[in-house]
Amino acid sequence: MKIDFPNRDWYLASKSERNPPFNSYTFRWNSEEDSEEKRAEVWVYIKDIEKTGNVFTLVAADRVMADVNRIEELFTKESGLINLDNAIAYKIKPSKGRFDIDHETYAIYTIREGMGIVFYLTFTSNIKTKIIPQILIIMKSIRVD
């Protein structure tokens, strides 16, 4: 798996490599303006799935996507925002977080050789104009070979 971050403001904040079926990694944006009110993160979850599973099975099993009314927009490779085959991405409707600030999230689901890989790219709306170009670079850079 490969993810390109657009600058050095991004760092690996936590890593949890438990025995299968589940590993997770959290990358955070750290700028001079970063605070509890201004936050951006990329979460990566890797879990074992049945070899017969498909990307839609992975989405259906995700509790974040359990409510389809939360989906604002759908993306595939053809949209140009992601470069993954056998993947689907969603923009999730904003939700209120701490300090009553909207949090915006993109979710990307893909499957490779019996592994389901889920990426959540999330940020507070008060940094949207600064962070969205970086989020789009990250989304397009994700490679899973």
N, C-alpha and C. Protein backbone atom coordinates (compact mmCIF):
# COMPACT_ATOMS: atom_id res chain seq x y z
N MET A 1 0.86 -1.16 0.00
CA MET A 1 0.00 0.00 0.00
C MET A 1 0.90 1.23 0.00
N LYS A 2 0.48 2.25 -0.74
CA LYS A 2 1.26 3.48 -0.83
C LYS A 2 0.31 4.67 -0.77
N ILE A 3 0.67 5.64 0.06
CA ILE A 3 -0.08 6.89 0.16
C ILE A 3 0.94 8.02 0.09
N ASP A 4 0.70 8.97 -0.79
CA ASP A 4 1.57 10.15 -0.86
C ASP A 4 0.89 11.30 -0.13
N PHE A 5 1.61 11.85 0.84
CA PHE A 5 1.11 13.03 1.52
C PHE A 5 1.77 14.25 0.89
N PRO A 6 1.02 15.35 0.72
CA PRO A 6 1.51 16.48 -0.07
C PRO A 6 2.62 17.31 0.58
N ASN A 7 2.83 17.16 1.89
CA ASN A 7 3.87 17.95 2.55
C ASN A 7 4.22 17.30 3.88
N ARG A 8 5.12 17.92 4.59
CA ARG A 8 5.60 17.36 5.87
C ARG A 8 4.71 17.68 7.06
N ASP A 9 3.59 18.32 6.80
CA ASP A 9 2.63 18.60 7.88
C ASP A 9 1.86 17.36 8.30
N TRP A 10 2.00 16.26 7.56
CA TRP A 10 1.31 15.01 7.87
C TRP A 10 2.28 14.05 8.53
N TYR A 11 1.82 13.34 9.57
CA TYR A 11 2.67 12.38 10.27
C TYR A 11 1.84 11.19 10.74
N LEU A 12 2.53 10.07 10.97
CA LEU A 12 1.87 8.87 11.50
C LEU A 12 1.65 9.07 12.98
N ALA A 13 0.39 9.20 13.39
CA ALA A 13 0.05 9.48 14.79
C ALA A 13 -0.10 8.21 15.61
N SER A 14 -0.64 7.16 15.00
CA SER A 14 -0.78 5.90 15.73
C SER A 14 -0.85 4.74 14.75
N LYS A 15 -0.45 3.59 15.29
CA LYS A 15 -0.40 2.38 14.47
C LYS A 15 -0.80 1.22 15.38
N SER A 16 -1.74 0.44 14.93
CA SER A 16 -2.18 -0.71 15.70
C SER A 16 -2.17 -1.93 14.79
N GLU A 17 -1.15 -2.74 14.93
CA GLU A 17 -1.05 -3.94 14.11
C GLU A 17 -1.31 -5.15 15.01
N ARG A 18 -2.57 -5.41 15.17
CA ARG A 18 -2.98 -6.59 15.94
C ARG A 18 -2.94 -7.80 15.03
N ASN A 19 -3.08 -8.93 15.63
CA ASN A 19 -3.19 -10.12 14.79
C ASN A 19 -4.39 -9.96 13.89
N PRO A 20 -4.32 -10.51 12.68
CA PRO A 20 -5.50 -10.42 11.82
C PRO A 20 -6.72 -10.85 12.62
N PRO A 21 -7.83 -10.26 12.38
CA PRO A 21 -8.27 -9.69 11.12
C PRO A 21 -8.20 -8.18 11.02
N PHE A 22 -7.45 -7.44 11.85
CA PHE A 22 -7.62 -6.00 11.85
C PHE A 22 -6.33 -5.26 12.18
N ASN A 23 -5.94 -4.31 11.33
CA ASN A 23 -4.82 -3.40 11.58
C ASN A 23 -5.32 -1.98 11.28
N SER A 24 -4.77 -0.99 11.98
CA SER A 24 -5.19 0.38 11.70
C SER A 24 -4.01 1.34 11.82
N TYR A 25 -4.10 2.42 11.05
CA TYR A 25 -3.07 3.46 11.03
C TYR A 25 -3.79 4.80 11.00
N THR A 26 -3.29 5.77 11.77
CA THR A 26 -3.86 7.10 11.77
C THR A 26 -2.77 8.11 11.43
N PHE A 27 -3.03 8.91 10.41
CA PHE A 27 -2.13 9.98 10.01
C PHE A 27 -2.82 11.30 10.33
N ARG A 28 -2.06 12.25 10.87
CA ARG A 28 -2.65 13.54 11.24
C ARG A 28 -1.95 14.68 10.53
N TRP A 29 -2.73 15.72 10.31
CA TRP A 29 -2.20 16.96 9.78
C TRP A 29 -1.80 17.82 10.95
N ASN A 30 -0.58 18.31 10.92
CA ASN A 30 -0.07 19.11 12.02
C ASN A 30 0.50 20.39 11.44
N SER A 31 -0.22 21.46 11.55
CA SER A 31 0.30 22.75 11.09
C SER A 31 0.30 23.70 12.27
N GLU A 32 0.83 24.86 12.04
CA GLU A 32 0.85 25.86 13.10
C GLU A 32 -0.55 26.22 13.57
N GLU A 33 -1.51 26.06 12.68
CA GLU A 33 -2.90 26.41 13.02
C GLU A 33 -3.65 25.25 13.66
N ASP A 34 -3.03 24.07 13.72
CA ASP A 34 -3.74 22.89 14.21
C ASP A 34 -4.11 23.06 15.69
N SER A 35 -5.31 22.71 16.00
CA SER A 35 -5.79 22.74 17.38
C SER A 35 -6.98 21.79 17.44
N GLU A 36 -7.62 21.73 18.59
CA GLU A 36 -8.81 20.89 18.71
C GLU A 36 -9.91 21.36 17.77
N GLU A 37 -9.90 22.66 17.45
CA GLU A 37 -10.94 23.19 16.58
C GLU A 37 -10.62 23.01 15.10
N LYS A 38 -9.37 22.73 14.77
CA LYS A 38 -8.94 22.59 13.37
C LYS A 38 -8.16 21.28 13.26
N ARG A 39 -8.76 20.32 12.59
CA ARG A 39 -8.13 19.00 12.57
C ARG A 39 -8.38 18.32 11.23
N ALA A 40 -7.37 17.56 10.79
CA ALA A 40 -7.50 16.72 9.61
C ALA A 40 -6.77 15.41 9.90
N GLU A 41 -7.39 14.30 9.51
CA GLU A 41 -6.81 12.98 9.75
C GLU A 41 -7.11 12.04 8.59
N VAL A 42 -6.24 11.08 8.41
CA VAL A 42 -6.46 9.98 7.47
C VAL A 42 -6.35 8.70 8.29
N TRP A 43 -7.42 7.92 8.31
CA TRP A 43 -7.44 6.64 9.00
C TRP A 43 -7.43 5.54 7.96
N VAL A 44 -6.61 4.52 8.20
CA VAL A 44 -6.54 3.37 7.30
C VAL A 44 -6.82 2.13 8.14
N TYR A 45 -7.80 1.34 7.71
CA TYR A 45 -8.15 0.10 8.38
C TYR A 45 -7.97 -1.05 7.39
N ILE A 46 -7.29 -2.08 7.83
CA ILE A 46 -7.07 -3.26 6.99
C ILE A 46 -7.61 -4.46 7.75
N LYS A 47 -8.50 -5.21 7.09
CA LYS A 47 -9.07 -6.37 7.77
C LYS A 47 -9.23 -7.52 6.80
N ASP A 48 -9.13 -8.71 7.34
CA ASP A 48 -9.34 -9.92 6.53
C ASP A 48 -10.81 -10.00 6.15
N ILE A 49 -11.04 -10.43 4.92
CA ILE A 49 -12.41 -10.68 4.47
C ILE A 49 -12.41 -11.99 3.69
N GLU A 50 -13.58 -12.49 3.44
CA GLU A 50 -13.68 -13.71 2.65
C GLU A 50 -13.21 -13.43 1.23
N LYS A 51 -12.51 -14.37 0.66
CA LYS A 51 -11.98 -14.20 -0.71
C LYS A 51 -13.10 -13.97 -1.72
N THR A 52 -14.30 -14.42 -1.40
CA THR A 52 -15.42 -14.22 -2.33
C THR A 52 -16.10 -12.87 -2.13
N GLY A 53 -15.68 -12.12 -1.12
CA GLY A 53 -16.29 -10.82 -0.85
C GLY A 53 -15.97 -9.81 -1.93
N ASN A 54 -16.81 -8.80 -2.04
CA ASN A 54 -16.55 -7.73 -2.99
C ASN A 54 -16.59 -6.40 -2.26
N VAL A 55 -16.31 -5.33 -2.97
CA VAL A 55 -16.22 -4.03 -2.35
C VAL A 55 -17.56 -3.60 -1.73
N PHE A 56 -18.66 -4.02 -2.32
CA PHE A 56 -19.98 -3.64 -1.78
C PHE A 56 -20.27 -4.37 -0.48
N THR A 57 -19.77 -5.59 -0.34
CA THR A 57 -19.90 -6.33 0.92
C THR A 57 -19.13 -5.61 2.02
N LEU A 58 -17.95 -5.10 1.66
CA LEU A 58 -17.12 -4.35 2.62
C LEU A 58 -17.84 -3.08 3.07
N VAL A 59 -18.44 -2.36 2.14
CA VAL A 59 -19.19 -1.14 2.47
C VAL A 59 -20.38 -1.49 3.37
N ALA A 60 -21.11 -2.53 3.02
CA ALA A 60 -22.30 -2.91 3.78
C ALA A 60 -21.96 -3.29 5.22
N ALA A 61 -20.77 -3.83 5.44
CA ALA A 61 -20.36 -4.25 6.78
C ALA A 61 -19.85 -3.08 7.63
N ASP A 62 -19.65 -1.93 7.01
CA ASP A 62 -19.09 -0.78 7.72
C ASP A 62 -20.20 -0.02 8.43
N ARG A 63 -20.09 0.12 9.74
CA ARG A 63 -21.14 0.79 10.50
C ARG A 63 -21.24 2.27 10.15
N VAL A 64 -20.15 2.89 9.67
CA VAL A 64 -20.21 4.29 9.27
C VAL A 64 -21.16 4.48 8.09
N MET A 65 -21.21 3.49 7.20
CA MET A 65 -22.04 3.59 6.01
C MET A 65 -23.38 2.87 6.19
N ALA A 66 -23.69 2.45 7.39
CA ALA A 66 -24.94 1.73 7.63
C ALA A 66 -26.16 2.56 7.25
N ASP A 67 -26.07 3.86 7.40
CA ASP A 67 -27.17 4.75 7.05
C ASP A 67 -26.87 5.38 5.69
N VAL A 68 -27.49 4.87 4.63
CA VAL A 68 -27.23 5.37 3.28
C VAL A 68 -27.64 6.83 3.11
N ASN A 69 -28.46 7.34 4.01
CA ASN A 69 -28.84 8.74 3.94
C ASN A 69 -27.67 9.68 4.23
N ARG A 70 -26.59 9.12 4.77
CA ARG A 70 -25.40 9.93 5.06
C ARG A 70 -24.54 10.16 3.81
N ILE A 71 -24.82 9.44 2.73
CA ILE A 71 -24.00 9.55 1.52
C ILE A 71 -24.38 10.82 0.77
N GLU A 72 -23.39 11.65 0.50
CA GLU A 72 -23.62 12.89 -0.24
C GLU A 72 -23.22 12.73 -1.71
N GLU A 73 -22.14 11.97 -1.96
CA GLU A 73 -21.66 11.81 -3.32
C GLU A 73 -20.90 10.49 -3.44
N LEU A 74 -20.92 9.90 -4.63
CA LEU A 74 -20.28 8.62 -4.91
C LEU A 74 -19.18 8.82 -5.95
N PHE A 75 -18.03 8.15 -5.76
CA PHE A 75 -16.92 8.25 -6.71
C PHE A 75 -16.40 6.86 -7.06
N THR A 76 -15.97 6.70 -8.29
CA THR A 76 -15.26 5.49 -8.73
C THR A 76 -14.00 5.97 -9.45
N LYS A 77 -13.23 5.03 -9.95
CA LYS A 77 -12.02 5.40 -10.69
C LYS A 77 -12.34 6.32 -11.86
N GLU A 78 -13.46 6.10 -12.48
CA GLU A 78 -13.86 6.91 -13.63
C GLU A 78 -14.07 8.39 -13.28
N SER A 79 -14.32 8.69 -12.01
CA SER A 79 -14.53 10.08 -11.59
C SER A 79 -13.22 10.87 -11.60
N GLY A 80 -12.09 10.17 -11.56
CA GLY A 80 -10.79 10.83 -11.55
C GLY A 80 -10.29 11.20 -10.16
N LEU A 81 -11.10 10.98 -9.11
CA LEU A 81 -10.65 11.32 -7.75
C LEU A 81 -9.87 10.20 -7.08
N ILE A 82 -10.07 8.97 -7.54
CA ILE A 82 -9.31 7.84 -7.01
C ILE A 82 -8.73 7.07 -8.18
N ASN A 83 -7.59 6.42 -7.94
CA ASN A 83 -6.92 5.65 -9.00
C ASN A 83 -6.95 4.16 -8.74
N LEU A 84 -7.88 3.71 -7.94
CA LEU A 84 -7.95 2.30 -7.55
C LEU A 84 -8.98 1.54 -8.38
N ASP A 85 -8.58 0.36 -8.86
CA ASP A 85 -9.55 -0.55 -9.45
C ASP A 85 -10.27 -1.24 -8.30
N ASN A 86 -11.44 -1.76 -8.55
CA ASN A 86 -12.19 -2.49 -7.53
C ASN A 86 -12.32 -1.67 -6.24
N ALA A 87 -12.71 -0.40 -6.42
CA ALA A 87 -12.85 0.49 -5.27
C ALA A 87 -14.06 1.39 -5.47
N ILE A 88 -14.54 1.89 -4.36
CA ILE A 88 -15.65 2.85 -4.39
C ILE A 88 -15.38 3.87 -3.29
N ALA A 89 -15.74 5.11 -3.54
CA ALA A 89 -15.52 6.17 -2.55
C ALA A 89 -16.80 6.98 -2.38
N TYR A 90 -16.96 7.50 -1.19
CA TYR A 90 -18.13 8.31 -0.86
C TYR A 90 -17.69 9.59 -0.17
N LYS A 91 -18.43 10.65 -0.44
CA LYS A 91 -18.35 11.83 0.41
C LYS A 91 -19.53 11.70 1.35
N ILE A 92 -19.25 11.74 2.63
CA ILE A 92 -20.28 11.57 3.65
C ILE A 92 -20.76 12.96 4.09
N LYS A 93 -22.05 13.09 4.30
CA LYS A 93 -22.60 14.39 4.73
C LYS A 93 -21.92 14.83 6.02
N PRO A 94 -21.65 16.14 6.15
CA PRO A 94 -20.98 16.64 7.36
C PRO A 94 -21.78 16.32 8.62
N SER A 95 -21.04 16.12 9.70
CA SER A 95 -21.67 15.88 11.00
C SER A 95 -20.98 16.78 12.03
N LYS A 96 -21.71 17.10 13.07
CA LYS A 96 -21.17 17.98 14.12
C LYS A 96 -20.21 17.19 15.00
N GLY A 97 -19.09 17.82 15.30
CA GLY A 97 -18.11 17.23 16.20
C GLY A 97 -17.97 18.09 17.43
N ARG A 98 -16.85 17.93 18.09
CA ARG A 98 -16.57 18.76 19.25
C ARG A 98 -16.59 20.22 18.87
N PHE A 99 -16.88 21.07 19.79
CA PHE A 99 -16.94 22.51 19.59
C PHE A 99 -18.00 22.91 18.57
N ASP A 100 -18.94 21.98 18.29
CA ASP A 100 -20.06 22.24 17.39
C ASP A 100 -19.59 22.64 15.99
N ILE A 101 -18.49 22.06 15.54
CA ILE A 101 -17.93 22.33 14.22
C ILE A 101 -18.21 21.14 13.32
N ASP A 102 -18.61 21.41 12.07
CA ASP A 102 -18.85 20.34 11.11
C ASP A 102 -17.56 19.59 10.79
N HIS A 103 -17.68 18.27 10.71
CA HIS A 103 -16.58 17.41 10.27
C HIS A 103 -17.00 16.82 8.93
N GLU A 104 -16.12 16.93 7.95
CA GLU A 104 -16.39 16.38 6.63
C GLU A 104 -15.53 15.15 6.43
N THR A 105 -16.08 14.14 5.74
CA THR A 105 -15.39 12.86 5.59
C THR A 105 -15.56 12.29 4.19
N TYR A 106 -14.47 11.76 3.68
CA TYR A 106 -14.49 10.94 2.48
C TYR A 106 -14.11 9.53 2.92
N ALA A 107 -14.78 8.53 2.38
CA ALA A 107 -14.48 7.13 2.70
C ALA A 107 -14.17 6.41 1.40
N ILE A 108 -13.08 5.64 1.40
CA ILE A 108 -12.68 4.86 0.23
C ILE A 108 -12.60 3.40 0.66
N TYR A 109 -13.21 2.52 -0.13
CA TYR A 109 -13.23 1.09 0.15
C TYR A 109 -12.61 0.35 -1.03
N THR A 110 -11.70 -0.57 -0.74
CA THR A 110 -11.12 -1.39 -1.80
C THR A 110 -10.79 -2.77 -1.24
N ILE A 111 -10.63 -3.72 -2.14
CA ILE A 111 -10.32 -5.10 -1.75
C ILE A 111 -9.11 -5.57 -2.53
N ARG A 112 -8.18 -6.23 -1.84
CA ARG A 112 -7.03 -6.83 -2.48
C ARG A 112 -6.69 -8.14 -1.79
N GLU A 113 -6.71 -9.22 -2.53
CA GLU A 113 -6.25 -10.54 -2.08
C GLU A 113 -6.71 -10.90 -0.67
N GLY A 114 -8.00 -10.89 -0.46
CA GLY A 114 -8.57 -11.30 0.82
C GLY A 114 -8.47 -10.26 1.92
N MET A 115 -8.07 -9.03 1.56
CA MET A 115 -8.02 -7.95 2.54
C MET A 115 -8.99 -6.85 2.13
N GLY A 116 -9.76 -6.37 3.08
CA GLY A 116 -10.58 -5.20 2.86
C GLY A 116 -9.84 -4.01 3.43
N ILE A 117 -9.71 -2.96 2.64
CA ILE A 117 -8.97 -1.78 3.07
C ILE A 117 -9.92 -0.59 3.01
N VAL A 118 -10.02 0.11 4.13
CA VAL A 118 -10.92 1.27 4.24
C VAL A 118 -10.09 2.48 4.63
N PHE A 119 -10.28 3.56 3.89
CA PHE A 119 -9.61 4.83 4.17
C PHE A 119 -10.69 5.85 4.54
N TYR A 120 -10.50 6.54 5.66
CA TYR A 120 -11.36 7.67 6.01
C TYR A 120 -10.47 8.90 5.99
N LEU A 121 -10.86 9.90 5.24
CA LEU A 121 -10.15 11.16 5.18
C LEU A 121 -11.11 12.20 5.75
N THR A 122 -10.78 12.75 6.89
CA THR A 122 -11.73 13.60 7.60
C THR A 122 -11.07 14.90 8.04
N PHE A 123 -11.87 15.95 8.08
CA PHE A 123 -11.34 17.26 8.46
C PHE A 123 -12.47 18.13 8.97
N THR A 124 -12.10 19.14 9.76
CA THR A 124 -13.10 20.10 10.23
C THR A 124 -13.34 21.13 9.13
N SER A 125 -14.58 21.56 9.01
CA SER A 125 -14.98 22.44 7.91
C SER A 125 -14.32 23.82 7.97
N ASN A 126 -13.83 24.21 9.14
CA ASN A 126 -13.21 25.54 9.25
C ASN A 126 -11.83 25.61 8.61
N ILE A 127 -11.30 24.48 8.12
CA ILE A 127 -10.04 24.50 7.38
C ILE A 127 -10.22 23.95 5.96
N LYS A 128 -11.46 23.86 5.52
CA LYS A 128 -11.78 23.23 4.24
C LYS A 128 -10.98 23.81 3.08
N THR A 129 -10.94 25.12 2.95
CA THR A 129 -10.26 25.70 1.79
C THR A 129 -8.76 25.38 1.79
N LYS A 130 -8.18 25.25 2.96
CA LYS A 130 -6.75 24.94 3.04
C LYS A 130 -6.48 23.44 2.88
N ILE A 131 -7.36 22.61 3.41
CA ILE A 131 -7.07 21.17 3.48
C ILE A 131 -7.63 20.37 2.30
N ILE A 132 -8.70 20.81 1.66
CA ILE A 132 -9.31 20.01 0.60
C ILE A 132 -8.33 19.74 -0.55
N PRO A 133 -7.49 20.69 -0.97
CA PRO A 133 -6.51 20.33 -2.02
C PRO A 133 -5.57 19.20 -1.58
N GLN A 134 -5.20 19.19 -0.30
CA GLN A 134 -4.33 18.13 0.21
C GLN A 134 -5.08 16.80 0.27
N ILE A 135 -6.33 16.82 0.70
CA ILE A 135 -7.14 15.60 0.76
C ILE A 135 -7.28 15.00 -0.64
N LEU A 136 -7.51 15.84 -1.64
CA LEU A 136 -7.68 15.33 -3.01
C LEU A 136 -6.38 14.73 -3.53
N ILE A 137 -5.22 15.32 -3.19
CA ILE A 137 -3.93 14.74 -3.58
C ILE A 137 -3.76 13.37 -2.93
N ILE A 138 -4.09 13.28 -1.66
CA ILE A 138 -3.96 12.01 -0.94
C ILE A 138 -4.88 10.96 -1.56
N MET A 139 -6.13 11.32 -1.80
CA MET A 139 -7.09 10.36 -2.38
C MET A 139 -6.59 9.81 -3.70
N LYS A 140 -6.08 10.67 -4.55
CA LYS A 140 -5.63 10.26 -5.88
C LYS A 140 -4.34 9.44 -5.80
N SER A 141 -3.54 9.63 -4.76
CA SER A 141 -2.25 8.96 -4.65
C SER A 141 -2.33 7.52 -4.12
N ILE A 142 -3.42 7.15 -3.49
CA ILE A 142 -3.51 5.84 -2.84
C ILE A 142 -3.34 4.72 -3.85
N ARG A 143 -2.40 3.83 -3.56
CA ARG A 143 -2.15 2.66 -4.40
C ARG A 143 -2.15 1.41 -3.51
N VAL A 144 -2.76 0.38 -3.98
CA VAL A 144 -2.75 -0.89 -3.27
C VAL A 144 -2.39 -1.96 -4.30
N ASP A 145 -1.18 -2.49 -4.18
CA ASP A 145 -0.74 -3.51 -5.16
C ASP A 145 -0.70 -4.89 -4.55
